[in-house]
Amino acid sequence: VHLQESGGGLVRAGGSLRLSCAASGDTISFSAMGWYRQAPGKQRELVATISASGITHYSASVEGRFTVSRDNAENTAYLQLNSLTPEDTAVYYCALRPPWSDSWGSWGQGTQVTVSS
């Protein structure tokens, strides 16, 4: 499966962005989707996940501000980012975990989110 993120950009603190992760090559319907981010000089961290059945989980740092969703008909996952702060500045990656695997098997190339103060 090929994953392609889009929707990143430069936004002021308090603003919002909506990231998209379009999949091609296979359906995402039966797979979990995840969003990670990596800030300069920091390790990649898990931000949010959504299971094939729609169950969501968030890291404590984004809970209540970010919303992960999926549209299986469009073969796309989304991450809505609200109330952004400069600490949210990072490259955001989407990932796919097939139902037969415990690991994230496919990754996108990432999209840059920059939040100015």
C-alpha atoms as a PDB file:
ATOM      1  CA  VAL A   1       0.000   0.000   0.000  1.00  0.00           C
ATOM      2  CA  HIS A   2       1.275   3.446  -0.919  1.00  0.00           C
ATOM      3  CA  LEU A   3       0.398   6.275   1.472  1.00  0.00           C
ATOM      4  CA  GLN A   4       0.504   9.955   0.579  1.00  0.00           C
ATOM      5  CA  GLU A   5       0.018  12.702   3.161  1.00  0.00           C
ATOM      6  CA  SER A   6      -1.127  16.210   2.365  1.00  0.00           C
ATOM      7  CA  GLY A   7      -2.520  19.239   4.119  1.00  0.00           C
ATOM      8  CA  GLY A   8       0.484  20.424   6.082  1.00  0.00           C
ATOM      9  CA  GLY A   9       1.598  24.018   6.125  1.00  0.00           C
ATOM     10  CA  LEU A  10       2.343  27.090   8.192  1.00  0.00           C
ATOM     11  CA  VAL A  11      -0.277  28.217  10.683  1.00  0.00           C
ATOM     12  CA  ARG A  12      -0.392  30.581  13.619  1.00  0.00           C
ATOM     13  CA  ALA A  13      -0.818  29.353  17.164  1.00  0.00           C
ATOM     14  CA  GLY A  14      -4.462  28.619  17.855  1.00  0.00           C
ATOM     15  CA  GLY A  15      -5.113  27.742  14.242  1.00  0.00           C
ATOM     16  CA  SER A  16      -6.208  24.526  12.610  1.00  0.00           C
ATOM     17  CA  LEU A  17      -5.137  22.195   9.847  1.00  0.00           C
ATOM     18  CA  ARG A  18      -6.567  19.043   8.349  1.00  0.00           C
ATOM     19  CA  LEU A  19      -4.126  16.397   7.223  1.00  0.00           C
ATOM     20  CA  SER A  20      -5.090  13.727   4.728  1.00  0.00           C
ATOM     21  CA  CYS A  21      -3.527  10.339   4.084  1.00  0.00           C
ATOM     22  CA  ALA A  22      -4.572   8.911   0.743  1.00  0.00           C
ATOM     23  CA  ALA A  23      -3.879   5.223   0.179  1.00  0.00           C
ATOM     24  CA  SER A  24      -3.422   3.469  -3.134  1.00  0.00           C
ATOM     25  CA  GLY A  25      -2.636  -0.065  -4.166  1.00  0.00           C
ATOM     26  CA  ASP A  26      -4.976  -1.731  -1.687  1.00  0.00           C
ATOM     27  CA  THR A  27      -7.926  -0.954   0.521  1.00  0.00           C
ATOM     28  CA  ILE A  28      -7.417   0.427   4.016  1.00  0.00           C
ATOM     29  CA  SER A  29     -10.793  -0.884   5.162  1.00  0.00           C
ATOM     30  CA  PHE A  30      -9.441  -3.752   7.239  1.00  0.00           C
ATOM     31  CA  SER A  31      -6.342  -2.012   8.551  1.00  0.00           C
ATOM     32  CA  ALA A  32      -5.614   0.258  11.452  1.00  0.00           C
ATOM     33  CA  MET A  33      -4.349   3.707  10.540  1.00  0.00           C
ATOM     34  CA  GLY A  34      -1.979   5.769  12.608  1.00  0.00           C
ATOM     35  CA  TRP A  35      -0.527   9.241  12.693  1.00  0.00           C
ATOM     36  CA  TYR A  36       2.969   9.896  14.003  1.00  0.00           C
ATOM     37  CA  ARG A  37       5.016  13.050  14.191  1.00  0.00           C
ATOM     38  CA  GLN A  38       8.692  13.860  14.501  1.00  0.00           C
ATOM     39  CA  ALA A  39       9.971  17.212  15.637  1.00  0.00           C
ATOM     40  CA  PRO A  40      13.565  18.318  14.975  1.00  0.00           C
ATOM     41  CA  GLY A  41      15.954  16.561  17.312  1.00  0.00           C
ATOM     42  CA  LYS A  42      13.235  14.378  18.785  1.00  0.00           C
ATOM     43  CA  GLN A  43      12.109  10.817  18.328  1.00  0.00           C
ATOM     44  CA  ARG A  44       9.087   9.964  16.268  1.00  0.00           C
ATOM     45  CA  GLU A  45       6.023   9.790  18.494  1.00  0.00           C
ATOM     46  CA  LEU A  46       2.612   8.252  18.042  1.00  0.00           C
ATOM     47  CA  VAL A  47      -0.113  10.893  17.902  1.00  0.00           C
ATOM     48  CA  ALA A  48      -3.322   9.038  17.124  1.00  0.00           C
ATOM     49  CA  THR A  49      -4.669   5.769  15.835  1.00  0.00           C
ATOM     50  CA  ILE A  50      -7.949   4.558  14.450  1.00  0.00           C
ATOM     51  CA  SER A  51      -8.813   0.898  14.177  1.00  0.00           C
ATOM     52  CA  ALA A  52     -10.601  -0.739  11.276  1.00  0.00           C
ATOM     53  CA  SER A  53     -13.796  -0.556  13.337  1.00  0.00           C
ATOM     54  CA  GLY A  54     -13.294   3.132  14.124  1.00  0.00           C
ATOM     55  CA  ILE A  55     -11.934   2.969  17.673  1.00  0.00           C
ATOM     56  CA  THR A  56      -9.622   5.887  18.283  1.00  0.00           C
ATOM     57  CA  HIS A  57      -6.713   6.536  20.632  1.00  0.00           C
ATOM     58  CA  TYR A  58      -4.713   9.698  21.207  1.00  0.00           C
ATOM     59  CA  SER A  59      -1.524  10.670  22.927  1.00  0.00           C
ATOM     60  CA  ALA A  60      -1.995  12.775  26.022  1.00  0.00           C
ATOM     61  CA  SER A  61      -0.378  15.749  24.321  1.00  0.00           C
ATOM     62  CA  VAL A  62      -3.072  15.986  21.633  1.00  0.00           C
ATOM     63  CA  GLU A  63      -6.137  14.551  23.367  1.00  0.00           C
ATOM     64  CA  GLY A  64      -9.046  16.955  22.985  1.00  0.00           C
ATOM     65  CA  ARG A  65      -7.352  18.956  20.229  1.00  0.00           C
ATOM     66  CA  PHE A  66      -6.761  16.461  17.431  1.00  0.00           C
ATOM     67  CA  THR A  67      -9.307  14.163  15.816  1.00  0.00           C
ATOM     68  CA  VAL A  68      -8.467  11.129  13.705  1.00  0.00           C
ATOM     69  CA  SER A  69     -10.998   9.769  11.238  1.00  0.00           C
ATOM     70  CA  ARG A  70     -11.215   7.590   8.166  1.00  0.00           C
ATOM     71  CA  ASP A  71     -13.282   7.321   5.013  1.00  0.00           C
ATOM     72  CA  ASN A  72     -12.928   3.804   3.695  1.00  0.00           C
ATOM     73  CA  ALA A  73     -14.889   4.651   0.564  1.00  0.00           C
ATOM     74  CA  GLU A  74     -12.269   7.297  -0.239  1.00  0.00           C
ATOM     75  CA  ASN A  75      -9.445   5.051   1.013  1.00  0.00           C
ATOM     76  CA  THR A  76      -8.261   7.993   3.079  1.00  0.00           C
ATOM     77  CA  ALA A  77      -7.494   8.745   6.705  1.00  0.00           C
ATOM     78  CA  TYR A  78      -7.576  12.205   8.219  1.00  0.00           C
ATOM     79  CA  LEU A  79      -6.140  14.057  11.166  1.00  0.00           C
ATOM     80  CA  GLN A  80      -7.865  17.270  12.221  1.00  0.00           C
ATOM     81  CA  LEU A  81      -5.511  19.507  14.191  1.00  0.00           C
ATOM     82  CA  ASN A  82      -7.109  22.238  16.296  1.00  0.00           C
ATOM     83  CA  SER A  83      -5.781  24.704  18.858  1.00  0.00           C
ATOM     84  CA  LEU A  84      -2.298  24.285  17.492  1.00  0.00           C
ATOM     85  CA  THR A  85       0.727  25.386  19.482  1.00  0.00           C
ATOM     86  CA  PRO A  86       4.380  25.804  18.437  1.00  0.00           C
ATOM     87  CA  GLU A  87       5.061  22.504  20.205  1.00  0.00           C
ATOM     88  CA  ASP A  88       2.998  20.777  17.529  1.00  0.00           C
ATOM     89  CA  THR A  89       5.549  21.737  14.891  1.00  0.00           C
ATOM     90  CA  ALA A  90       6.795  18.522  13.295  1.00  0.00           C
ATOM     91  CA  VAL A  91       6.697  16.334  10.238  1.00  0.00           C
ATOM     92  CA  TYR A  92       3.517  14.284  10.415  1.00  0.00           C
ATOM     93  CA  TYR A  93       3.441  10.769   9.012  1.00  0.00           C
ATOM     94  CA  CYS A  94       0.592   8.378   8.438  1.00  0.00           C
ATOM     95  CA  ALA A  95       1.020   4.641   8.745  1.00  0.00           C
ATOM     96  CA  LEU A  96      -0.982   1.516   8.094  1.00  0.00           C
ATOM     97  CA  ARG A  97      -1.079  -1.674  10.162  1.00  0.00           C
ATOM     98  CA  PRO A  98      -2.583  -4.659   8.358  1.00  0.00           C
ATOM     99  CA  PRO A  99      -4.941  -6.920  10.323  1.00  0.00           C
ATOM    100  CA  TRP A 100      -2.428  -9.779  10.265  1.00  0.00           C
ATOM    101  CA  SER A 101       0.417  -7.715  11.695  1.00  0.00           C
ATOM    102  CA  ASP A 102       1.414  -6.075  14.983  1.00  0.00           C
ATOM    103  CA  SER A 103       3.586  -3.524  13.240  1.00  0.00           C
ATOM    104  CA  TRP A 104       3.059  -0.502  11.025  1.00  0.00           C
ATOM    105  CA  GLY A 105       3.907  -1.919   7.624  1.00  0.00           C
ATOM    106  CA  SER A 106       3.396   1.075   5.341  1.00  0.00           C
ATOM    107  CA  TRP A 107       4.410   4.699   5.828  1.00  0.00           C
ATOM    108  CA  GLY A 108       3.870   7.920   3.980  1.00  0.00           C
ATOM    109  CA  GLN A 109       6.628  10.376   3.210  1.00  0.00           C
ATOM    110  CA  GLY A 110       5.393  12.935   5.731  1.00  0.00           C
ATOM    111  CA  THR A 111       3.950  16.427   5.625  1.00  0.00           C
ATOM    112  CA  GLN A 112       5.416  19.402   7.459  1.00  0.00           C
ATOM    113  CA  VAL A 113       3.320  21.276  10.014  1.00  0.00           C
ATOM    114  CA  THR A 114       4.795  24.511  11.321  1.00  0.00           C
ATOM    115  CA  VAL A 115       3.050  26.530  14.010  1.00  0.00           C
ATOM    116  CA  SER A 116       4.236  30.071  14.610  1.00  0.00           C
ATOM    117  CA  SER A 117       3.805  31.852  17.911  1.00  0.00           C
END
